[in-house]
N, C-alpha and C. Protein backbone atom coordinates (compact mmCIF):
# COMPACT_ATOMS: atom_id res chain seq x y z
N UNK A 1 -16.50 -94.64 -41.30
CA UNK A 1 -16.42 -94.21 -40.00
C UNK A 1 -17.61 -93.42 -39.47
N UNK A 2 -18.04 -92.51 -40.32
CA UNK A 2 -19.23 -91.63 -39.96
C UNK A 2 -20.51 -92.62 -39.77
N UNK A 3 -20.66 -93.52 -40.72
CA UNK A 3 -21.92 -94.35 -40.61
C UNK A 3 -21.78 -95.22 -39.38
N UNK A 4 -20.62 -95.77 -39.07
CA UNK A 4 -20.40 -96.55 -37.83
C UNK A 4 -20.70 -95.66 -36.61
N UNK A 5 -20.15 -94.44 -36.67
CA UNK A 5 -20.41 -93.62 -35.41
C UNK A 5 -21.89 -93.30 -35.24
N UNK A 6 -22.56 -93.01 -36.28
CA UNK A 6 -23.98 -92.68 -36.22
C UNK A 6 -24.77 -93.91 -35.72
N UNK A 7 -24.43 -95.04 -36.23
CA UNK A 7 -25.14 -96.23 -35.71
C UNK A 7 -24.81 -96.59 -34.28
N UNK A 8 -23.63 -96.27 -33.89
CA UNK A 8 -23.16 -96.53 -32.51
C UNK A 8 -23.58 -95.51 -31.48
N UNK A 9 -23.48 -94.23 -31.84
CA UNK A 9 -23.75 -93.16 -30.89
C UNK A 9 -25.04 -92.42 -31.23
N UNK A 10 -25.59 -92.62 -32.38
CA UNK A 10 -26.86 -91.89 -32.73
C UNK A 10 -26.42 -90.65 -33.58
N UNK A 11 -27.44 -89.97 -34.09
CA UNK A 11 -27.12 -88.79 -34.81
C UNK A 11 -26.55 -87.55 -34.00
N UNK A 12 -25.81 -86.69 -34.61
CA UNK A 12 -25.20 -85.63 -33.91
C UNK A 12 -26.22 -84.55 -33.72
N UNK A 13 -26.42 -84.15 -32.49
CA UNK A 13 -27.44 -83.15 -32.15
C UNK A 13 -26.83 -81.74 -32.29
N UNK A 14 -25.55 -81.61 -31.98
CA UNK A 14 -24.87 -80.33 -32.09
C UNK A 14 -23.49 -80.64 -32.44
N UNK A 15 -22.92 -80.27 -33.62
CA UNK A 15 -21.65 -80.54 -34.00
C UNK A 15 -20.53 -80.03 -33.07
N UNK A 16 -20.85 -79.06 -32.27
CA UNK A 16 -19.86 -78.54 -31.30
C UNK A 16 -19.58 -79.70 -30.23
N UNK A 17 -20.57 -80.58 -30.01
CA UNK A 17 -20.17 -81.80 -29.12
C UNK A 17 -18.99 -82.48 -29.60
N UNK A 18 -18.87 -82.67 -30.99
CA UNK A 18 -17.76 -83.44 -31.61
C UNK A 18 -16.46 -82.67 -31.37
N UNK A 19 -16.55 -81.38 -31.47
CA UNK A 19 -15.43 -80.58 -31.26
C UNK A 19 -14.94 -80.69 -29.75
N UNK A 20 -15.86 -80.55 -28.88
CA UNK A 20 -15.60 -80.74 -27.39
C UNK A 20 -14.90 -82.11 -27.16
N UNK A 21 -15.46 -83.12 -27.76
CA UNK A 21 -14.85 -84.47 -27.60
C UNK A 21 -13.51 -84.53 -28.24
N UNK A 22 -13.33 -83.99 -29.40
CA UNK A 22 -11.96 -83.95 -30.02
C UNK A 22 -10.99 -83.28 -29.17
N UNK A 23 -11.41 -82.18 -28.54
CA UNK A 23 -10.37 -81.46 -27.63
C UNK A 23 -10.03 -82.29 -26.49
N UNK A 24 -10.98 -83.09 -25.95
CA UNK A 24 -10.70 -84.12 -24.84
C UNK A 24 -9.67 -85.11 -25.42
N UNK A 25 -9.90 -85.59 -26.54
CA UNK A 25 -9.00 -86.61 -27.11
C UNK A 25 -7.65 -85.98 -27.30
N UNK A 26 -7.58 -84.67 -27.81
CA UNK A 26 -6.23 -83.99 -27.89
C UNK A 26 -5.55 -83.94 -26.54
N UNK A 27 -6.27 -83.68 -25.43
CA UNK A 27 -5.71 -83.73 -24.05
C UNK A 27 -5.07 -85.04 -23.85
N UNK A 28 -5.85 -86.09 -24.15
CA UNK A 28 -5.37 -87.51 -23.92
C UNK A 28 -4.08 -87.79 -24.90
N UNK A 29 -4.05 -87.22 -26.05
CA UNK A 29 -2.94 -87.33 -26.89
C UNK A 29 -1.76 -86.68 -26.28
N UNK A 30 -1.97 -85.54 -25.76
CA UNK A 30 -0.92 -84.82 -25.04
C UNK A 30 -0.28 -85.64 -23.86
N UNK A 31 -1.20 -86.26 -23.09
CA UNK A 31 -0.74 -87.10 -22.02
C UNK A 31 0.10 -88.33 -22.52
N UNK A 32 -0.38 -88.83 -23.70
CA UNK A 32 0.43 -90.02 -24.24
C UNK A 32 1.79 -89.51 -24.76
N UNK A 33 1.78 -88.29 -25.30
CA UNK A 33 3.12 -87.76 -25.76
C UNK A 33 4.03 -87.58 -24.49
N UNK A 34 3.52 -86.95 -23.47
CA UNK A 34 4.29 -86.77 -22.29
C UNK A 34 4.84 -88.04 -21.71
N UNK A 35 4.02 -89.14 -21.88
CA UNK A 35 4.42 -90.48 -21.40
C UNK A 35 5.35 -91.18 -22.35
N UNK A 36 5.51 -90.66 -23.53
CA UNK A 36 6.33 -91.28 -24.68
C UNK A 36 5.72 -92.71 -24.91
N UNK A 37 4.40 -92.83 -24.84
CA UNK A 37 3.68 -94.05 -25.11
C UNK A 37 3.19 -94.12 -26.52
N UNK A 38 4.10 -94.70 -27.33
CA UNK A 38 3.92 -94.62 -28.85
C UNK A 38 2.61 -95.39 -29.22
N UNK A 39 2.21 -96.49 -28.54
CA UNK A 39 0.94 -97.11 -28.84
C UNK A 39 -0.17 -96.15 -28.58
N UNK A 40 -0.20 -95.58 -27.43
CA UNK A 40 -1.33 -94.61 -27.05
C UNK A 40 -1.32 -93.40 -27.99
N UNK A 41 -0.18 -92.89 -28.37
CA UNK A 41 -0.12 -91.79 -29.26
C UNK A 41 -0.89 -92.08 -30.51
N UNK A 42 -0.65 -93.23 -31.08
CA UNK A 42 -1.34 -93.67 -32.31
C UNK A 42 -2.83 -93.83 -32.08
N UNK A 43 -3.27 -94.41 -30.95
CA UNK A 43 -4.63 -94.57 -30.70
C UNK A 43 -5.35 -93.18 -30.49
N UNK A 44 -4.77 -92.32 -29.69
CA UNK A 44 -5.46 -90.96 -29.48
C UNK A 44 -5.38 -90.10 -30.66
N UNK A 45 -4.32 -90.17 -31.43
CA UNK A 45 -4.29 -89.40 -32.71
C UNK A 45 -5.44 -89.92 -33.64
N UNK A 46 -5.63 -91.25 -33.72
CA UNK A 46 -6.71 -91.74 -34.55
C UNK A 46 -8.13 -91.31 -33.90
N UNK A 47 -8.28 -91.33 -32.67
CA UNK A 47 -9.59 -90.80 -32.10
C UNK A 47 -9.83 -89.44 -32.55
N UNK A 48 -8.84 -88.50 -32.50
CA UNK A 48 -8.99 -87.22 -32.91
C UNK A 48 -9.38 -87.07 -34.41
N UNK A 49 -8.69 -87.97 -35.27
CA UNK A 49 -9.06 -87.90 -36.66
C UNK A 49 -10.43 -88.44 -36.91
N UNK A 50 -10.81 -89.38 -36.24
CA UNK A 50 -12.28 -89.89 -36.38
C UNK A 50 -13.22 -88.94 -36.03
N UNK A 51 -13.02 -88.21 -34.95
CA UNK A 51 -13.97 -87.15 -34.59
C UNK A 51 -13.98 -86.00 -35.73
N UNK A 52 -12.83 -85.62 -36.12
CA UNK A 52 -12.70 -84.64 -37.28
C UNK A 52 -13.41 -85.04 -38.54
N UNK A 53 -13.25 -86.30 -38.96
CA UNK A 53 -14.00 -86.78 -40.06
C UNK A 53 -15.44 -86.62 -39.87
N UNK A 54 -15.90 -86.99 -38.71
CA UNK A 54 -17.42 -86.92 -38.47
C UNK A 54 -17.86 -85.49 -38.31
N UNK A 55 -17.04 -84.60 -37.75
CA UNK A 55 -17.37 -83.20 -37.62
C UNK A 55 -17.59 -82.60 -38.98
N UNK A 56 -16.59 -82.68 -39.87
CA UNK A 56 -16.78 -82.04 -41.23
C UNK A 56 -17.85 -82.75 -42.00
N UNK A 57 -18.20 -83.94 -41.81
CA UNK A 57 -19.21 -84.64 -42.48
C UNK A 57 -20.58 -83.98 -42.15
N UNK A 58 -20.68 -83.43 -40.94
CA UNK A 58 -21.98 -82.82 -40.51
C UNK A 58 -22.25 -81.54 -41.42
N UNK A 59 -21.15 -81.06 -42.08
CA UNK A 59 -21.43 -79.94 -42.94
C UNK A 59 -21.26 -80.23 -44.43
N UNK A 60 -21.37 -81.57 -44.68
CA UNK A 60 -21.34 -82.01 -46.08
C UNK A 60 -19.95 -81.93 -46.72
N UNK A 61 -18.86 -81.90 -45.92
CA UNK A 61 -17.54 -81.78 -46.35
C UNK A 61 -16.79 -83.18 -46.24
N UNK A 62 -15.76 -83.29 -47.00
CA UNK A 62 -14.92 -84.52 -46.94
C UNK A 62 -13.57 -84.11 -46.41
N UNK A 63 -13.10 -84.59 -45.25
CA UNK A 63 -11.84 -84.13 -44.63
C UNK A 63 -10.69 -84.38 -45.55
N UNK A 64 -10.54 -85.43 -46.29
CA UNK A 64 -9.38 -85.71 -47.19
C UNK A 64 -9.35 -84.56 -48.23
N UNK A 65 -10.51 -84.29 -48.78
CA UNK A 65 -10.55 -83.28 -49.87
C UNK A 65 -10.22 -81.84 -49.23
N UNK A 66 -10.66 -81.55 -48.06
CA UNK A 66 -10.31 -80.35 -47.44
C UNK A 66 -8.83 -80.16 -47.11
N UNK A 67 -8.23 -81.24 -46.73
CA UNK A 67 -6.82 -81.26 -46.39
C UNK A 67 -6.04 -80.98 -47.69
N UNK A 68 -6.40 -81.71 -48.79
CA UNK A 68 -5.72 -81.48 -50.05
C UNK A 68 -5.83 -80.06 -50.52
N UNK A 69 -6.98 -79.50 -50.40
CA UNK A 69 -7.22 -78.06 -50.83
C UNK A 69 -6.32 -77.08 -49.94
N UNK A 70 -6.30 -77.42 -48.65
CA UNK A 70 -5.49 -76.54 -47.72
C UNK A 70 -3.96 -76.63 -47.95
N UNK A 71 -3.63 -77.84 -48.27
CA UNK A 71 -2.23 -78.06 -48.61
C UNK A 71 -1.75 -77.34 -49.84
N UNK A 72 -2.65 -77.27 -50.77
CA UNK A 72 -2.38 -76.40 -52.02
C UNK A 72 -2.18 -75.01 -51.69
N UNK A 73 -2.98 -74.43 -50.73
CA UNK A 73 -2.81 -73.16 -50.25
C UNK A 73 -1.47 -73.01 -49.56
N UNK A 74 -1.22 -73.88 -48.59
CA UNK A 74 -0.02 -73.82 -47.82
C UNK A 74 1.21 -73.87 -48.62
N UNK A 75 1.23 -74.71 -49.66
CA UNK A 75 2.38 -74.85 -50.61
C UNK A 75 2.67 -73.56 -51.30
N UNK A 76 1.64 -72.83 -51.59
CA UNK A 76 1.74 -71.52 -52.34
C UNK A 76 2.17 -70.39 -51.53
N UNK A 77 2.21 -70.51 -50.15
CA UNK A 77 2.65 -69.44 -49.26
C UNK A 77 4.06 -69.42 -48.91
N UNK A 78 4.53 -68.28 -48.42
CA UNK A 78 5.89 -68.18 -47.92
C UNK A 78 5.80 -68.45 -46.39
N UNK A 79 6.70 -69.08 -45.84
CA UNK A 79 6.67 -69.48 -44.46
C UNK A 79 7.90 -69.02 -43.65
N UNK A 80 7.68 -68.83 -42.35
CA UNK A 80 8.79 -68.45 -41.45
C UNK A 80 8.74 -69.60 -40.36
N UNK A 81 9.92 -70.23 -40.25
CA UNK A 81 10.07 -71.25 -39.26
C UNK A 81 10.24 -70.69 -37.87
N UNK A 82 9.56 -71.28 -36.88
CA UNK A 82 9.74 -70.79 -35.47
C UNK A 82 11.01 -71.56 -34.81
N UNK A 83 11.51 -72.54 -35.51
CA UNK A 83 12.60 -73.27 -34.95
C UNK A 83 12.26 -74.40 -34.11
N UNK A 84 10.98 -74.71 -33.96
CA UNK A 84 10.51 -75.73 -33.04
C UNK A 84 9.67 -76.89 -33.84
N UNK A 85 9.81 -76.71 -35.15
CA UNK A 85 9.04 -77.69 -35.96
C UNK A 85 7.63 -77.13 -36.43
N UNK A 86 7.43 -75.83 -36.13
CA UNK A 86 6.22 -75.19 -36.49
C UNK A 86 6.67 -73.88 -37.21
N UNK A 87 5.67 -73.16 -37.64
CA UNK A 87 5.99 -71.89 -38.29
C UNK A 87 4.65 -71.14 -38.57
N UNK A 88 4.79 -70.00 -39.24
CA UNK A 88 3.65 -69.29 -39.68
C UNK A 88 3.85 -68.69 -41.03
N UNK A 89 2.80 -68.41 -41.78
CA UNK A 89 2.93 -67.89 -43.06
C UNK A 89 3.11 -66.29 -42.98
N UNK A 90 3.91 -65.83 -43.94
CA UNK A 90 4.13 -64.40 -43.95
C UNK A 90 3.44 -63.76 -45.18
């Protein structure tokens, strides 16, 4: 993905531009959720992920590896449910 993006869009000048674009894609994902458009939900979620993969790559990181490491931390924590499908650690 990162190689394709660099060939298609050129090198990243400022990683914050990827964050800004990911936030725009998150807004589009929110619109798709509001519309209950399952096809668009999938596409917009994928756009967000593609941008996140590219963002972490700018710092020499691998998103899959970072997610696995963070999940190990999350699994070791105690959590409080907020009752809406989310929560916070205690």
